[in-house]
PDB file of all heavy atoms in Angstrom:
ATOM      1  N   LEU A   1      13.583  24.712   7.717  1.00  0.00           N
ATOM      2  CA  LEU A   1      13.213  25.611   8.797  1.00  0.00           C
ATOM      3  C   LEU A   1      14.318  25.878   9.779  1.00  0.00           C
ATOM      4  O   LEU A   1      14.431  26.961  10.364  1.00  0.00           O
ATOM      5  CB  LEU A   1      11.982  25.071   9.527  1.00  0.00           C
ATOM      6  CG  LEU A   1      10.676  24.927   8.750  1.00  0.00           C
ATOM      7  CD1 LEU A   1       9.666  24.122   9.541  1.00  0.00           C
ATOM      8  CD2 LEU A   1      10.133  26.325   8.422  1.00  0.00           C
ATOM      9  N   PHE A   2      15.166  24.861   9.987  1.00  0.00           N
ATOM     10  CA  PHE A   2      16.210  24.916  10.994  1.00  0.00           C
ATOM     11  C   PHE A   2      17.589  24.838  10.329  1.00  0.00           C
ATOM     12  O   PHE A   2      17.950  23.824   9.767  1.00  0.00           O
ATOM     13  CB  PHE A   2      16.061  23.743  11.983  1.00  0.00           C
ATOM     14  CG  PHE A   2      14.827  23.767  12.804  1.00  0.00           C
ATOM     15  CD1 PHE A   2      13.663  23.138  12.362  1.00  0.00           C
ATOM     16  CD2 PHE A   2      14.805  24.376  14.048  1.00  0.00           C
ATOM     17  CE1 PHE A   2      12.500  23.134  13.118  1.00  0.00           C
ATOM     18  CE2 PHE A   2      13.644  24.382  14.812  1.00  0.00           C
ATOM     19  CZ  PHE A   2      12.513  23.762  14.344  1.00  0.00           C
ATOM     20  N   PRO A   3      18.369  25.914  10.414  1.00  0.00           N
ATOM     21  CA  PRO A   3      19.702  25.913   9.807  1.00  0.00           C
ATOM     22  C   PRO A   3      20.778  25.233  10.663  1.00  0.00           C
ATOM     23  O   PRO A   3      21.957  25.241  10.326  1.00  0.00           O
ATOM     24  CB  PRO A   3      20.011  27.390   9.636  1.00  0.00           C
ATOM     25  CG  PRO A   3      19.262  28.059  10.760  1.00  0.00           C
ATOM     26  CD  PRO A   3      18.005  27.253  10.933  1.00  0.00           C
ATOM     27  N   SER A   4      20.381  24.626  11.788  1.00  0.00           N
ATOM     28  CA  SER A   4      21.349  24.044  12.705  1.00  0.00           C
ATOM     29  C   SER A   4      22.164  22.950  12.038  1.00  0.00           C
ATOM     30  O   SER A   4      21.683  22.232  11.171  1.00  0.00           O
ATOM     31  CB  SER A   4      20.595  23.451  13.921  1.00  0.00           C
ATOM     32  OG  SER A   4      19.626  22.511  13.495  1.00  0.00           O
ATOM     33  N   GLN A   5      23.397  22.808  12.522  1.00  0.00           N
ATOM     34  CA  GLN A   5      24.276  21.719  12.011  1.00  0.00           C
ATOM     35  C   GLN A   5      23.661  20.371  12.379  1.00  0.00           C
ATOM     36  O   GLN A   5      23.683  19.438  11.574  1.00  0.00           O
ATOM     37  CB  GLN A   5      25.658  21.858  12.633  1.00  0.00           C
ATOM     38  CG  GLN A   5      26.624  20.735  12.211  1.00  0.00           C
ATOM     39  CD  GLN A   5      27.940  20.784  12.974  1.00  0.00           C
ATOM     40  OE1 GLN A   5      28.040  21.398  14.033  1.00  0.00           O
ATOM     41  NE2 GLN A   5      28.953  20.154  12.419  1.00  0.00           N
ATOM     42  N   TYR A   6      23.127  20.266  13.579  1.00  0.00           N
ATOM     43  CA  TYR A   6      22.590  18.997  14.062  1.00  0.00           C
ATOM     44  C   TYR A   6      21.101  18.878  13.831  1.00  0.00           C
ATOM     45  O   TYR A   6      20.333  19.828  14.010  1.00  0.00           O
ATOM     46  CB  TYR A   6      22.880  18.841  15.557  1.00  0.00           C
ATOM     47  CG  TYR A   6      24.340  18.611  15.888  1.00  0.00           C
ATOM     48  CD1 TYR A   6      25.079  19.602  16.522  1.00  0.00           C
ATOM     49  CD2 TYR A   6      24.955  17.393  15.604  1.00  0.00           C
ATOM     50  CE1 TYR A   6      26.416  19.394  16.810  1.00  0.00           C
ATOM     51  CE2 TYR A   6      26.283  17.188  15.903  1.00  0.00           C
ATOM     52  CZ  TYR A   6      27.001  18.184  16.510  1.00  0.00           C
ATOM     53  OH  TYR A   6      28.338  17.960  16.797  1.00  0.00           O
ATOM     54  N   ILE A   7      20.689  17.655  13.479  1.00  0.00           N
ATOM     55  CA  ILE A   7      19.283  17.307  13.408  1.00  0.00           C
ATOM     56  C   ILE A   7      19.107  16.073  14.317  1.00  0.00           C
ATOM     57  O   ILE A   7      19.753  15.059  14.099  1.00  0.00           O
ATOM     58  CB  ILE A   7      18.834  16.960  11.970  1.00  0.00           C
ATOM     59  CG1 ILE A   7      19.085  18.145  11.031  1.00  0.00           C
ATOM     60  CG2 ILE A   7      17.382  16.551  11.947  1.00  0.00           C
ATOM     61  CD1 ILE A   7      18.281  19.390  11.328  1.00  0.00           C
ATOM     62  N   HIS A   8      18.248  16.215  15.302  1.00  0.00           N
ATOM     63  CA  HIS A   8      18.088  15.133  16.287  1.00  0.00           C
ATOM     64  C   HIS A   8      16.959  14.195  15.837  1.00  0.00           C
ATOM     65  O   HIS A   8      15.877  14.643  15.506  1.00  0.00           O
ATOM     66  CB  HIS A   8      17.724  15.747  17.660  1.00  0.00           C
ATOM     67  CG  HIS A   8      18.055  14.873  18.816  1.00  0.00           C
ATOM     68  ND1 HIS A   8      17.517  13.636  19.003  1.00  0.00           N
ATOM     69  CD2 HIS A   8      18.881  15.075  19.891  1.00  0.00           C
ATOM     70  CE1 HIS A   8      18.005  13.090  20.115  1.00  0.00           C
ATOM     71  NE2 HIS A   8      18.837  13.947  20.675  1.00  0.00           N
ATOM     72  N   ILE A   9      17.247  12.898  15.831  1.00  0.00           N
ATOM     73  CA  ILE A   9      16.264  11.927  15.368  1.00  0.00           C
ATOM     74  C   ILE A   9      15.776  10.993  16.471  1.00  0.00           C
ATOM     75  O   ILE A   9      15.155   9.962  16.184  1.00  0.00           O
ATOM     76  CB  ILE A   9      16.823  11.114  14.165  1.00  0.00           C
ATOM     77  CG1 ILE A   9      18.180  10.477  14.487  1.00  0.00           C
ATOM     78  CG2 ILE A   9      16.968  12.020  12.944  1.00  0.00           C
ATOM     79  CD1 ILE A   9      18.127   9.197  15.285  1.00  0.00           C
ATOM     80  N   GLY A  10      16.021  11.346  17.720  1.00  0.00           N
ATOM     81  CA  GLY A  10      15.548  10.525  18.834  1.00  0.00           C
ATOM     82  C   GLY A  10      16.333   9.221  18.880  1.00  0.00           C
ATOM     83  O   GLY A  10      17.477   9.197  19.278  1.00  0.00           O
ATOM     84  N   GLY A  11      15.664   8.125  18.477  1.00  0.00           N
ATOM     85  CA  GLY A  11      16.334   6.834  18.450  1.00  0.00           C
ATOM     86  C   GLY A  11      16.243   6.091  19.779  1.00  0.00           C
ATOM     87  O   GLY A  11      16.797   4.984  19.907  1.00  0.00           O
ATOM     88  N   ASP A  12      15.542   6.661  20.762  1.00  0.00           N
ATOM     89  CA  ASP A  12      15.491   6.061  22.084  1.00  0.00           C
ATOM     90  C   ASP A  12      14.238   5.227  22.291  1.00  0.00           C
ATOM     91  O   ASP A  12      13.242   5.414  21.592  1.00  0.00           O
ATOM     92  CB  ASP A  12      15.556   7.136  23.153  1.00  0.00           C
ATOM     93  CG  ASP A  12      14.385   8.109  23.067  1.00  0.00           C
ATOM     94  OD1 ASP A  12      14.109   8.567  21.934  1.00  0.00           O
ATOM     95  OD2 ASP A  12      13.742   8.407  24.082  1.00  0.00           O
ATOM     96  N   GLU A  13      14.298   4.346  23.253  1.00  0.00           N
ATOM     97  CA  GLU A  13      13.124   3.625  23.755  1.00  0.00           C
ATOM     98  C   GLU A  13      12.237   3.082  22.621  1.00  0.00           C
ATOM     99  O   GLU A  13      11.034   3.371  22.567  1.00  0.00           O
ATOM    100  CB  GLU A  13      12.326   4.517  24.695  1.00  0.00           C
ATOM    101  CG  GLU A  13      13.145   4.920  25.934  1.00  0.00           C
ATOM    102  CD  GLU A  13      12.381   5.835  26.860  1.00  0.00           C
ATOM    103  OE1 GLU A  13      11.559   6.662  26.369  1.00  0.00           O
ATOM    104  OE2 GLU A  13      12.608   5.776  28.066  1.00  0.00           O
ATOM    105  N   CYS A  14      12.837   2.318  21.730  1.00  0.00           N
ATOM    106  CA  CYS A  14      12.091   1.716  20.611  1.00  0.00           C
ATOM    107  C   CYS A  14      11.901   0.244  20.919  1.00  0.00           C
ATOM    108  O   CYS A  14      12.791  -0.585  20.713  1.00  0.00           O
ATOM    109  CB  CYS A  14      12.828   1.902  19.297  1.00  0.00           C
ATOM    110  SG  CYS A  14      12.001   1.121  17.892  1.00  0.00           S
ATOM    111  N   PRO A  15      10.691  -0.149  21.403  1.00  0.00           N
ATOM    112  CA  PRO A  15      10.461  -1.558  21.663  1.00  0.00           C
ATOM    113  C   PRO A  15      10.561  -2.374  20.365  1.00  0.00           C
ATOM    114  O   PRO A  15      10.186  -1.919  19.280  1.00  0.00           O
ATOM    115  CB  PRO A  15       9.042  -1.591  22.230  1.00  0.00           C
ATOM    116  CG  PRO A  15       8.790  -0.207  22.728  1.00  0.00           C
ATOM    117  CD  PRO A  15       9.558   0.683  21.775  1.00  0.00           C
ATOM    118  N   LYS A  16      11.057  -3.600  20.492  1.00  0.00           N
ATOM    119  CA  LYS A  16      11.262  -4.446  19.306  1.00  0.00           C
ATOM    120  C   LYS A  16      10.172  -5.501  19.171  1.00  0.00           C
ATOM    121  O   LYS A  16      10.277  -6.385  18.320  1.00  0.00           O
ATOM    122  CB  LYS A  16      12.646  -5.100  19.399  1.00  0.00           C
ATOM    123  CG  LYS A  16      13.812  -4.169  19.663  1.00  0.00           C
ATOM    124  CD  LYS A  16      13.963  -3.100  18.624  1.00  0.00           C
ATOM    125  CE  LYS A  16      15.250  -2.294  18.762  1.00  0.00           C
ATOM    126  NZ  LYS A  16      15.284  -1.472  19.986  1.00  0.00           N
ATOM    127  N   THR A  17       9.138  -5.426  20.012  1.00  0.00           N
ATOM    128  CA  THR A  17       8.094  -6.469  20.032  1.00  0.00           C
ATOM    129  C   THR A  17       7.469  -6.696  18.652  1.00  0.00           C
ATOM    130  O   THR A  17       7.412  -7.855  18.164  1.00  0.00           O
ATOM    131  CB  THR A  17       6.987  -6.067  21.034  1.00  0.00           C
ATOM    132  OG1 THR A  17       7.576  -5.847  22.314  1.00  0.00           O
ATOM    133  CG2 THR A  17       5.934  -7.172  21.136  1.00  0.00           C
ATOM    134  N   GLN A  18       7.021  -5.616  18.016  1.00  0.00           N
ATOM    135  CA  GLN A  18       6.384  -5.784  16.699  1.00  0.00           C
ATOM    136  C   GLN A  18       7.356  -6.214  15.617  1.00  0.00           C
ATOM    137  O   GLN A  18       6.988  -7.004  14.723  1.00  0.00           O
ATOM    138  CB  GLN A  18       5.718  -4.456  16.306  1.00  0.00           C
ATOM    139  CG  GLN A  18       4.522  -4.099  17.196  1.00  0.00           C
ATOM    140  CD  GLN A  18       3.838  -2.822  16.733  1.00  0.00           C
ATOM    141  OE1 GLN A  18       4.373  -2.036  15.951  1.00  0.00           O
ATOM    142  NE2 GLN A  18       2.605  -2.596  17.247  1.00  0.00           N
ATOM    143  N   TRP A  19       8.596  -5.765  15.699  1.00  0.00           N
ATOM    144  CA  TRP A  19       9.594  -6.186  14.724  1.00  0.00           C
ATOM    145  C   TRP A  19       9.876  -7.688  14.854  1.00  0.00           C
ATOM    146  O   TRP A  19      10.083  -8.365  13.857  1.00  0.00           O
ATOM    147  CB  TRP A  19      10.878  -5.368  14.895  1.00  0.00           C
ATOM    148  CG  TRP A  19      10.768  -3.929  14.467  1.00  0.00           C
ATOM    149  CD1 TRP A  19       9.693  -3.307  13.966  1.00  0.00           C
ATOM    150  CD2 TRP A  19      11.806  -2.974  14.515  1.00  0.00           C
ATOM    151  NE1 TRP A  19       9.950  -1.996  13.682  1.00  0.00           N
ATOM    152  CE2 TRP A  19      11.271  -1.741  14.005  1.00  0.00           C
ATOM    153  CE3 TRP A  19      13.131  -2.995  14.913  1.00  0.00           C
ATOM    154  CZ2 TRP A  19      12.032  -0.582  13.916  1.00  0.00           C
ATOM    155  CZ3 TRP A  19      13.888  -1.823  14.806  1.00  0.00           C
ATOM    156  CH2 TRP A  19      13.341  -0.627  14.316  1.00  0.00           C
ATOM    157  N   LYS A  20       9.907  -8.178  16.101  1.00  0.00           N
ATOM    158  CA  LYS A  20      10.158  -9.585  16.308  1.00  0.00           C
ATOM    159  C   LYS A  20       9.013 -10.443  15.746  1.00  0.00           C
ATOM    160  O   LYS A  20       9.237 -11.562  15.257  1.00  0.00           O
ATOM    161  CB  LYS A  20      10.326  -9.875  17.805  1.00  0.00           C
ATOM    162  CG  LYS A  20      11.634  -9.358  18.392  1.00  0.00           C
ATOM    163  CD  LYS A  20      11.716  -9.672  19.868  1.00  0.00           C
ATOM    164  CE  LYS A  20      13.034  -9.165  20.449  1.00  0.00           C
ATOM    165  NZ  LYS A  20      13.144  -9.428  21.894  1.00  0.00           N
ATOM    166  N   GLN A  21       7.805  -9.930  15.803  1.00  0.00           N
ATOM    167  CA  GLN A  21       6.636 -10.653  15.346  1.00  0.00           C
ATOM    168  C   GLN A  21       6.360 -10.507  13.876  1.00  0.00           C
ATOM    169  O   GLN A  21       5.515 -11.222  13.313  1.00  0.00           O
ATOM    170  CB  GLN A  21       5.408 -10.217  16.150  1.00  0.00           C
ATOM    171  CG  GLN A  21       5.507 -10.484  17.653  1.00  0.00           C
ATOM    172  CD  GLN A  21       4.394  -9.801  18.443  1.00  0.00           C
ATOM    173  OE1 GLN A  21       3.640  -8.991  17.891  1.00  0.00           O
ATOM    174  NE2 GLN A  21       4.275 -10.141  19.715  1.00  0.00           N
ATOM    175  N   SER A  22       7.059  -9.580  13.216  1.00  0.00           N
ATOM    176  CA  SER A  22       6.771  -9.233  11.821  1.00  0.00           C
ATOM    177  C   SER A  22       7.592 -10.086  10.855  1.00  0.00           C
ATOM    178  O   SER A  22       8.817 -10.126  10.934  1.00  0.00           O
ATOM    179  CB  SER A  22       7.078  -7.750  11.573  1.00  0.00           C
ATOM    180  OG  SER A  22       7.183  -7.462  10.220  1.00  0.00           O
ATOM    181  N   ARG A  23       6.896 -10.748   9.920  1.00  0.00           N
ATOM    182  CA  ARG A  23       7.624 -11.511   8.881  1.00  0.00           C
ATOM    183  C   ARG A  23       8.418 -10.558   8.011  1.00  0.00           C
ATOM    184  O   ARG A  23       9.536 -10.897   7.612  1.00  0.00           O
ATOM    185  CB  ARG A  23       6.598 -12.263   8.027  1.00  0.00           C
ATOM    186  CG  ARG A  23       7.252 -13.082   6.910  1.00  0.00           C
ATOM    187  CD  ARG A  23       6.207 -13.865   6.109  1.00  0.00           C
ATOM    188  NE  ARG A  23       5.534 -14.821   6.954  1.00  0.00           N
ATOM    189  CZ  ARG A  23       4.546 -15.601   6.490  1.00  0.00           C
ATOM    190  NH1 ARG A  23       4.113 -15.495   5.231  1.00  0.00           N
ATOM    191  NH2 ARG A  23       3.959 -16.466   7.308  1.00  0.00           N
ATOM    192  N   PHE A  24       7.859  -9.378   7.733  1.00  0.00           N
ATOM    193  CA  PHE A  24       8.597  -8.402   6.915  1.00  0.00           C
ATOM    194  C   PHE A  24       9.928  -8.032   7.583  1.00  0.00           C
ATOM    195  O   PHE A  24      10.967  -8.036   6.917  1.00  0.00           O
ATOM    196  CB  PHE A  24       7.753  -7.144   6.724  1.00  0.00           C
ATOM    197  CG  PHE A  24       8.511  -5.980   6.126  1.00  0.00           C
ATOM    198  CD1 PHE A  24       8.712  -5.906   4.749  1.00  0.00           C
ATOM    199  CD2 PHE A  24       9.035  -4.984   6.927  1.00  0.00           C
ATOM    200  CE1 PHE A  24       9.432  -4.848   4.204  1.00  0.00           C
ATOM    201  CE2 PHE A  24       9.764  -3.936   6.398  1.00  0.00           C
ATOM    202  CZ  PHE A  24       9.954  -3.852   5.032  1.00  0.00           C
ATOM    203  N   CYS A  25       9.886  -7.727   8.886  1.00  0.00           N
ATOM    204  CA  CYS A  25      11.113  -7.335   9.559  1.00  0.00           C
ATOM    205  C   CYS A  25      12.101  -8.498   9.660  1.00  0.00           C
ATOM    206  O   CYS A  25      13.318  -8.298   9.493  1.00  0.00           O
ATOM    207  CB  CYS A  25      10.783  -6.793  10.954  1.00  0.00           C
ATOM    208  SG  CYS A  25       9.953  -5.195  10.947  1.00  0.00           S
ATOM    209  N   GLN A  26      11.601  -9.679   9.916  1.00  0.00           N
ATOM    210  CA  GLN A  26      12.503 -10.827  10.019  1.00  0.00           C
ATOM    211  C   GLN A  26      13.146 -11.136   8.675  1.00  0.00           C
ATOM    212  O   GLN A  26      14.334 -11.500   8.583  1.00  0.00           O
ATOM    213  CB  GLN A  26      11.754 -12.033  10.527  1.00  0.00           C
ATOM    214  CG  GLN A  26      11.262 -11.879  11.984  1.00  0.00           C
ATOM    215  CD  GLN A  26      12.381 -11.528  12.952  1.00  0.00           C
ATOM    216  OE1 GLN A  26      13.433 -12.162  12.953  1.00  0.00           O
ATOM    217  NE2 GLN A  26      12.163 -10.479  13.757  1.00  0.00           N
ATOM    218  N   ASP A  27      12.381 -10.987   7.583  1.00  0.00           N
ATOM    219  CA  ASP A  27      12.950 -11.186   6.248  1.00  0.00           C
ATOM    220  C   ASP A  27      13.994 -10.117   5.958  1.00  0.00           C
ATOM    221  O   ASP A  27      15.034 -10.419   5.327  1.00  0.00           O
ATOM    222  CB  ASP A  27      11.828 -11.124   5.189  1.00  0.00           C
ATOM    223  CG  ASP A  27      10.951 -12.363   5.185  1.00  0.00           C
ATOM    224  OD1 ASP A  27      11.359 -13.369   5.815  1.00  0.00           O
ATOM    225  OD2 ASP A  27       9.860 -12.315   4.583  1.00  0.00           O
ATOM    226  N   MET A  28      13.739  -8.878   6.393  1.00  0.00           N
ATOM    227  CA  MET A  28      14.724  -7.817   6.162  1.00  0.00           C
ATOM    228  C   MET A  28      16.029  -8.094   6.937  1.00  0.00           C
ATOM    229  O   MET A  28      17.106  -7.813   6.427  1.00  0.00           O
ATOM    230  CB  MET A  28      14.149  -6.449   6.562  1.00  0.00           C
ATOM    231  CG  MET A  28      15.145  -5.320   6.451  1.00  0.00           C
ATOM    232  SD  MET A  28      14.398  -3.668   6.539  1.00  0.00           S
ATOM    233  CE  MET A  28      13.796  -3.532   4.851  1.00  0.00           C
ATOM    234  N   ILE A  29      15.883  -8.589   8.144  1.00  0.00           N
ATOM    235  CA  ILE A  29      17.079  -8.923   8.944  1.00  0.00           C
ATOM    236  C   ILE A  29      17.931  -9.916   8.189  1.00  0.00           C
ATOM    237  O   ILE A  29      19.166  -9.791   8.105  1.00  0.00           O
ATOM    238  CB  ILE A  29      16.670  -9.454  10.334  1.00  0.00           C
ATOM    239  CG1 ILE A  29      16.129  -8.313  11.199  1.00  0.00           C
ATOM    240  CG2 ILE A  29      17.833 -10.143  11.023  1.00  0.00           C
ATOM    241  CD1 ILE A  29      15.537  -8.759  12.515  1.00  0.00           C
ATOM    242  N   LYS A  30      17.296 -10.952   7.606  1.00  0.00           N
ATOM    243  CA  LYS A  30      18.032 -11.960   6.831  1.00  0.00           C
ATOM    244  C   LYS A  30      18.609 -11.373   5.569  1.00  0.00           C
ATOM    245  O   LYS A  30      19.784 -11.605   5.207  1.00  0.00           O
ATOM    246  CB  LYS A  30      17.110 -13.122   6.516  1.00  0.00           C
ATOM    247  CG  LYS A  30      16.676 -13.922   7.716  1.00  0.00           C
ATOM    248  CD  LYS A  30      15.702 -15.013   7.325  1.00  0.00           C
ATOM    249  CE  LYS A  30      15.216 -15.797   8.540  1.00  0.00           C
ATOM    250  NZ  LYS A  30      14.220 -16.853   8.192  1.00  0.00           N
ATOM    251  N   LYS A  31      17.799 -10.591   4.888  1.00  0.00           N
ATOM    252  CA  LYS A  31      18.227  -9.994   3.608  1.00  0.00           C
ATOM    253  C   LYS A  31      19.444  -9.087   3.761  1.00  0.00           C
ATOM    254  O   LYS A  31      20.370  -9.097   2.958  1.00  0.00           O
ATOM    255  CB  LYS A  31      17.055  -9.198   2.998  1.00  0.00           C
ATOM    256  CG  LYS A  31      17.417  -8.463   1.712  1.00  0.00           C
ATOM    257  CD  LYS A  31      16.221  -7.640   1.219  1.00  0.00           C
ATOM    258  CE  LYS A  31      16.606  -6.808   0.010  1.00  0.00           C
ATOM    259  NZ  LYS A  31      15.487  -5.918  -0.417  1.00  0.00           N
ATOM    260  N   GLU A  32      19.448  -8.281   4.826  1.00  0.00           N
ATOM    261  CA  GLU A  32      20.540  -7.328   5.048  1.00  0.00           C
ATOM    262  C   GLU A  32      21.690  -7.918   5.841  1.00  0.00           C
ATOM    263  O   GLU A  32      22.682  -7.230   6.129  1.00  0.00           O
ATOM    264  CB  GLU A  32      19.986  -6.095   5.785  1.00  0.00           C
ATOM    265  CG  GLU A  32      18.947  -5.311   5.005  1.00  0.00           C
ATOM    266  CD  GLU A  32      19.483  -4.667   3.757  1.00  0.00           C
ATOM    267  OE1 GLU A  32      20.706  -4.371   3.714  1.00  0.00           O
ATOM    268  OE2 GLU A  32      18.715  -4.470   2.801  1.00  0.00           O
ATOM    269  N   GLY A  33      21.569  -9.189   6.212  1.00  0.00           N
ATOM    270  CA  GLY A  33      22.640  -9.837   6.950  1.00  0.00           C
ATOM    271  C   GLY A  33      22.809  -9.309   8.341  1.00  0.00           C
ATOM    272  O   GLY A  33      23.952  -9.213   8.878  1.00  0.00           O
ATOM    273  N   LEU A  34      21.687  -8.953   8.972  1.00  0.00           N
ATOM    274  CA  LEU A  34      21.727  -8.373  10.316  1.00  0.00           C
ATOM    275  C   LEU A  34      21.605  -9.457  11.370  1.00  0.00           C
ATOM    276  O   LEU A  34      21.073 -10.539  11.112  1.00  0.00           O
ATOM    277  CB  LEU A  34      20.588  -7.364  10.478  1.00  0.00           C
ATOM    278  CG  LEU A  34      20.493  -6.259   9.406  1.00  0.00           C
ATOM    279  CD1 LEU A  34      19.261  -5.401   9.593  1.00  0.00           C
ATOM    280  CD2 LEU A  34      21.761  -5.394   9.441  1.00  0.00           C
TER     281      LEU A  34
END
């Protein structure tokens, strides 16, 4: 729909509370070496 060069994805104000509490996210952090 939009031929613009740029596509904005936000990326702001993302609380990490649920990621900290999530086994899935914590396993991904270890798996990806983050």
